[in-house]
Amino acid sequence: MLDHDDAILNAVGDDMGRQAQPVNAERVDRYVEKFNAAALDRPDFDEAFTCLKSDKELTAAETILIAQKYRGGGAKAKTKKAALEAIERRFVEKVRTTKNKQEAARARPW
């Protein structure tokens, strides 16, 4: 039986019956780790994101899988462009959530 990551790796491709692009799981995990290590630090995120966008060996399937893993699951992006947008959006969401929690903590008198 396939575990969750293997199922995702096998599912990356399109729905038109074409062969799925090969995925380098190590490369995918390395990028996900870079984004997670950046946490809320914009310069670190920008460095990792620029590296991701400029990596010519990275396939669309790998970029889509990176986005899905960084977001913690959910629907996979349909295109590489959509995956890149999802990665940026996730970073902004993380920053906003943290900022909102800090604001709420300051506003509570207890």
Protein backbone atom coordinates (compact mmCIF):
# COMPACT_ATOMS: atom_id res chain seq x y z
CA MET A 1 0.00 0.00 0.00
CA LEU A 2 1.26 3.49 -0.84
CA ASP A 3 1.83 6.02 1.87
CA HIS A 4 0.55 9.59 1.50
CA ASP A 5 3.74 11.06 -0.04
CA ASP A 6 4.01 8.23 -2.57
CA ALA A 7 0.39 8.74 -3.51
CA ILE A 8 1.06 12.45 -4.09
CA LEU A 9 4.18 11.69 -6.12
CA ASN A 10 2.26 9.25 -8.28
CA ALA A 11 -0.67 11.62 -8.70
CA VAL A 12 1.39 14.56 -9.95
CA GLY A 13 0.71 14.87 -13.64
CA ASP A 14 -2.25 15.98 -15.63
CA ASP A 15 -5.66 14.48 -16.04
CA MET A 16 -5.38 14.09 -19.79
CA GLY A 17 -3.91 10.59 -19.57
CA ARG A 18 -0.37 11.71 -20.33
CA GLN A 19 2.58 10.24 -18.49
CA ALA A 20 3.36 12.04 -15.23
CA GLN A 21 6.68 13.88 -15.14
CA PRO A 22 9.34 12.22 -13.00
CA VAL A 23 9.70 13.80 -9.57
CA ASN A 24 12.94 14.13 -7.62
CA ALA A 25 11.67 13.70 -4.05
CA GLU A 26 14.97 14.86 -2.52
CA ARG A 27 14.86 18.12 -4.46
CA VAL A 28 11.22 18.67 -3.47
CA ASP A 29 11.97 18.04 0.21
CA ARG A 30 15.01 20.32 0.10
CA TYR A 31 12.91 23.25 -1.16
CA VAL A 32 10.11 22.57 1.33
CA GLU A 33 12.71 22.58 4.11
CA LYS A 34 14.10 25.91 2.85
CA PHE A 35 10.65 27.49 2.94
CA ASN A 36 9.87 26.07 6.37
CA ALA A 37 13.26 27.23 7.68
CA ALA A 38 12.53 30.74 6.40
CA ALA A 39 9.50 30.75 8.71
CA LEU A 40 8.43 34.42 8.88
CA ASP A 41 11.71 35.95 7.70
CA ARG A 42 11.04 37.76 4.41
CA PRO A 43 14.67 37.92 3.20
CA ASP A 44 15.15 34.18 3.78
CA PHE A 45 11.86 33.43 2.03
CA ASP A 46 12.77 35.69 -0.90
CA GLU A 47 16.14 33.95 -1.25
CA ALA A 48 14.52 30.50 -1.28
CA PHE A 49 11.78 31.66 -3.66
CA THR A 50 14.26 33.23 -6.09
CA CYS A 51 16.31 30.05 -6.01
CA LEU A 52 13.17 28.02 -6.75
CA LYS A 53 12.13 30.22 -9.67
CA SER A 54 15.60 30.19 -11.22
CA ASP A 55 16.17 26.43 -10.91
CA LYS A 56 16.06 25.25 -14.54
CA GLU A 57 16.17 21.57 -13.56
CA LEU A 58 12.96 21.85 -11.53
CA THR A 59 9.97 20.41 -13.36
CA ALA A 60 6.45 21.76 -13.18
CA ALA A 61 5.38 18.62 -11.31
CA GLU A 62 8.07 19.21 -8.69
CA THR A 63 7.07 22.85 -8.26
CA ILE A 64 3.44 21.83 -7.83
CA LEU A 65 4.41 19.22 -5.24
CA ILE A 66 6.61 21.75 -3.37
CA ALA A 67 3.64 24.12 -3.18
CA GLN A 68 1.32 21.39 -1.97
CA LYS A 69 3.72 20.21 0.74
CA TYR A 70 4.58 23.77 1.87
CA ARG A 71 0.88 24.56 2.19
CA GLY A 72 0.34 21.40 4.20
CA GLY A 73 -1.82 19.59 1.67
CA GLY A 74 -5.03 20.59 0.02
CA ALA A 75 -5.77 20.83 -3.66
CA LYS A 76 -2.78 20.76 -5.95
CA ALA A 77 -2.09 23.64 -8.28
CA LYS A 78 -2.80 23.03 -11.97
CA THR A 79 0.23 24.89 -13.31
CA LYS A 80 3.73 25.88 -12.25
CA LYS A 81 2.65 29.53 -12.20
CA ALA A 82 -0.28 28.73 -9.91
CA ALA A 83 2.05 26.73 -7.65
CA LEU A 84 4.46 29.67 -7.34
CA GLU A 85 1.55 31.97 -6.49
CA ALA A 86 0.34 29.47 -3.87
CA ILE A 87 3.78 29.41 -2.24
CA GLU A 88 3.87 33.21 -2.00
CA ARG A 89 0.29 33.32 -0.73
CA ARG A 90 1.06 30.75 1.98
CA PHE A 91 4.02 32.80 3.22
CA VAL A 92 1.86 35.93 3.43
CA GLU A 93 -0.86 33.97 5.26
CA LYS A 94 1.68 32.73 7.81
CA VAL A 95 2.98 36.25 8.43
CA ARG A 96 -0.52 37.73 8.74
CA THR A 97 -1.71 34.98 11.08
CA THR A 98 1.27 35.48 13.37
CA LYS A 99 0.83 39.25 13.33
CA ASN A 100 -2.89 38.94 14.11
CA LYS A 101 -2.18 36.61 17.03
CA GLN A 102 0.38 39.06 18.41
CA GLU A 103 -2.08 41.95 18.06
CA ALA A 104 -4.79 39.95 19.80
CA ALA A 105 -2.44 39.01 22.63
CA ARG A 106 -1.59 42.68 23.22
CA ALA A 107 -5.26 43.67 23.19
CA ARG A 108 -6.28 41.12 25.82
CA PRO A 109 -6.04 42.50 29.32
CA TRP A 110 -5.65 39.06 30.92
